[in-house]
Amino acid sequence: MEKERYVEPGYVEEEYVPEPLKVRLTPEEEKAIGQNPVELIWLAEQVYEYWRANTPSA
């Protein structure tokens, strides 16, 4: 499996974190989402898809 990159090789910003950021959930949140911890990229994709599906098109 190929490791994901968040920046181009050789580019490092101050405070750069090479590993995916994760959010730890409460037991209730874990039950609703089905996983714990949750990677922020995955969570952002879920939020985007929710609003894309539940917002009228312009």
N, C-alpha and C. Protein backbone atom coordinates (compact mmCIF):
# COMPACT_ATOMS: atom_id res chain seq x y z
N MET A 1 0.84 -1.17 0.00
CA MET A 1 0.00 0.00 0.00
C MET A 1 0.89 1.24 0.00
N GLU A 2 0.58 2.21 -0.85
CA GLU A 2 1.38 3.43 -0.94
C GLU A 2 0.95 4.42 0.14
N LYS A 3 1.92 5.01 0.81
CA LYS A 3 1.65 5.98 1.85
C LYS A 3 1.23 7.30 1.22
N GLU A 4 0.20 7.93 1.79
CA GLU A 4 -0.28 9.22 1.27
C GLU A 4 0.70 10.33 1.62
N ARG A 5 0.79 11.32 0.73
CA ARG A 5 1.62 12.49 0.98
C ARG A 5 0.71 13.70 1.01
N TYR A 6 0.97 14.60 1.94
CA TYR A 6 0.20 15.82 2.04
C TYR A 6 0.94 17.01 1.43
N VAL A 7 2.22 16.84 1.16
CA VAL A 7 3.03 17.89 0.54
C VAL A 7 3.98 17.25 -0.46
N GLU A 8 4.55 18.07 -1.32
CA GLU A 8 5.53 17.58 -2.29
C GLU A 8 6.80 17.12 -1.58
N PRO A 9 7.47 16.11 -2.13
CA PRO A 9 8.74 15.66 -1.53
C PRO A 9 9.72 16.83 -1.42
N GLY A 10 10.38 16.94 -0.29
CA GLY A 10 11.36 18.00 -0.08
C GLY A 10 10.78 19.28 0.50
N TYR A 11 9.46 19.40 0.52
CA TYR A 11 8.82 20.60 1.07
C TYR A 11 8.43 20.34 2.51
N VAL A 12 8.95 21.12 3.41
CA VAL A 12 8.60 20.97 4.82
C VAL A 12 8.37 22.34 5.41
N GLU A 13 7.18 22.56 5.87
CA GLU A 13 6.78 23.80 6.54
C GLU A 13 7.00 23.62 8.04
N GLU A 14 7.27 24.72 8.74
CA GLU A 14 7.36 24.65 10.19
C GLU A 14 6.04 24.08 10.72
N GLU A 15 6.10 23.23 11.70
CA GLU A 15 4.93 22.55 12.28
C GLU A 15 4.37 21.44 11.39
N TYR A 16 5.07 21.07 10.31
CA TYR A 16 4.61 20.00 9.42
C TYR A 16 4.54 18.68 10.18
N VAL A 17 3.46 17.96 9.98
CA VAL A 17 3.27 16.66 10.60
C VAL A 17 3.22 15.62 9.48
N PRO A 18 4.20 14.72 9.41
CA PRO A 18 4.23 13.77 8.30
C PRO A 18 3.14 12.70 8.35
N GLU A 19 2.63 12.40 9.51
CA GLU A 19 1.58 11.39 9.64
C GLU A 19 0.21 12.04 9.52
N PRO A 20 -0.79 11.29 9.04
CA PRO A 20 -2.15 11.84 8.96
C PRO A 20 -2.65 12.27 10.34
N LEU A 21 -3.33 13.41 10.39
CA LEU A 21 -3.91 13.88 11.64
C LEU A 21 -5.18 13.09 11.93
N LYS A 22 -5.38 12.76 13.20
CA LYS A 22 -6.55 11.97 13.59
C LYS A 22 -7.29 12.64 14.72
N VAL A 23 -8.60 12.40 14.77
CA VAL A 23 -9.46 12.93 15.82
C VAL A 23 -9.97 11.75 16.63
N ARG A 24 -9.86 11.84 17.93
CA ARG A 24 -10.42 10.80 18.80
C ARG A 24 -11.86 11.19 19.13
N LEU A 25 -12.75 10.21 19.09
CA LEU A 25 -14.17 10.46 19.26
C LEU A 25 -14.68 9.96 20.61
N THR A 26 -15.82 10.53 21.03
CA THR A 26 -16.50 10.02 22.21
C THR A 26 -17.15 8.70 21.84
N PRO A 27 -17.54 7.89 22.80
CA PRO A 27 -18.22 6.63 22.48
C PRO A 27 -19.47 6.83 21.61
N GLU A 28 -20.23 7.88 21.86
CA GLU A 28 -21.43 8.16 21.07
C GLU A 28 -21.07 8.50 19.63
N GLU A 29 -20.04 9.32 19.45
CA GLU A 29 -19.59 9.68 18.09
C GLU A 29 -19.05 8.46 17.36
N GLU A 30 -18.31 7.62 18.07
CA GLU A 30 -17.77 6.41 17.45
C GLU A 30 -18.90 5.50 16.98
N LYS A 31 -19.94 5.37 17.78
CA LYS A 31 -21.09 4.54 17.41
C LYS A 31 -21.76 5.08 16.14
N ALA A 32 -21.90 6.40 16.04
CA ALA A 32 -22.55 7.01 14.87
C ALA A 32 -21.69 6.89 13.62
N ILE A 33 -20.37 7.03 13.75
CA ILE A 33 -19.48 7.04 12.59
C ILE A 33 -18.95 5.65 12.27
N GLY A 34 -18.73 4.84 13.28
CA GLY A 34 -18.28 3.47 13.06
C GLY A 34 -16.78 3.26 13.08
N GLN A 35 -16.03 4.28 13.46
CA GLN A 35 -14.58 4.10 13.59
C GLN A 35 -14.03 5.12 14.57
N ASN A 36 -12.90 4.77 15.18
CA ASN A 36 -12.26 5.66 16.13
C ASN A 36 -10.80 5.22 16.26
N PRO A 37 -9.83 6.08 16.06
CA PRO A 37 -9.94 7.50 15.68
C PRO A 37 -10.31 7.65 14.20
N VAL A 38 -10.57 8.89 13.81
CA VAL A 38 -10.94 9.22 12.44
C VAL A 38 -9.87 10.13 11.85
N GLU A 39 -9.40 9.82 10.63
CA GLU A 39 -8.44 10.71 9.96
C GLU A 39 -9.18 11.96 9.49
N LEU A 40 -8.56 13.12 9.65
CA LEU A 40 -9.21 14.38 9.29
C LEU A 40 -9.55 14.46 7.81
N ILE A 41 -8.72 13.92 6.95
CA ILE A 41 -9.01 13.94 5.51
C ILE A 41 -10.30 13.17 5.24
N TRP A 42 -10.45 12.01 5.84
CA TRP A 42 -11.66 11.20 5.66
C TRP A 42 -12.87 11.96 6.17
N LEU A 43 -12.75 12.58 7.35
CA LEU A 43 -13.86 13.33 7.94
C LEU A 43 -14.26 14.50 7.04
N ALA A 44 -13.29 15.21 6.51
CA ALA A 44 -13.58 16.33 5.60
C ALA A 44 -14.31 15.85 4.35
N GLU A 45 -13.91 14.70 3.82
CA GLU A 45 -14.59 14.15 2.64
C GLU A 45 -16.04 13.81 2.96
N GLN A 46 -16.28 13.26 4.15
CA GLN A 46 -17.65 12.91 4.54
C GLN A 46 -18.52 14.16 4.68
N VAL A 47 -17.97 15.21 5.27
CA VAL A 47 -18.71 16.47 5.41
C VAL A 47 -19.02 17.05 4.03
N TYR A 48 -18.04 17.07 3.15
CA TYR A 48 -18.24 17.57 1.79
C TYR A 48 -19.34 16.79 1.07
N GLU A 49 -19.26 15.47 1.12
CA GLU A 49 -20.26 14.64 0.43
C GLU A 49 -21.65 14.84 1.01
N TYR A 50 -21.74 15.00 2.32
CA TYR A 50 -23.04 15.25 2.95
C TYR A 50 -23.66 16.53 2.41
N TRP A 51 -22.88 17.62 2.43
CA TRP A 51 -23.43 18.90 1.99
C TRP A 51 -23.66 18.93 0.49
N ARG A 52 -22.85 18.24 -0.28
CA ARG A 52 -23.06 18.17 -1.72
C ARG A 52 -24.39 17.47 -2.02
N ALA A 53 -24.69 16.42 -1.27
CA ALA A 53 -25.92 15.66 -1.48
C ALA A 53 -27.16 16.36 -0.91
N ASN A 54 -26.97 17.24 0.07
CA ASN A 54 -28.11 17.84 0.78
C ASN A 54 -28.27 19.33 0.55
N THR A 55 -27.61 19.86 -0.46
CA THR A 55 -27.73 21.27 -0.81
C THR A 55 -28.25 21.37 -2.24
N PRO A 56 -29.31 22.17 -2.45
CA PRO A 56 -29.81 22.32 -3.82
C PRO A 56 -28.74 22.89 -4.75
N SER A 57 -28.73 22.41 -5.98
CA SER A 57 -27.78 22.92 -6.98
C SER A 57 -28.18 24.32 -7.39
N ALA A 58 -27.19 25.13 -7.72
CA ALA A 58 -27.47 26.51 -8.16
C ALA A 58 -27.82 26.52 -9.62
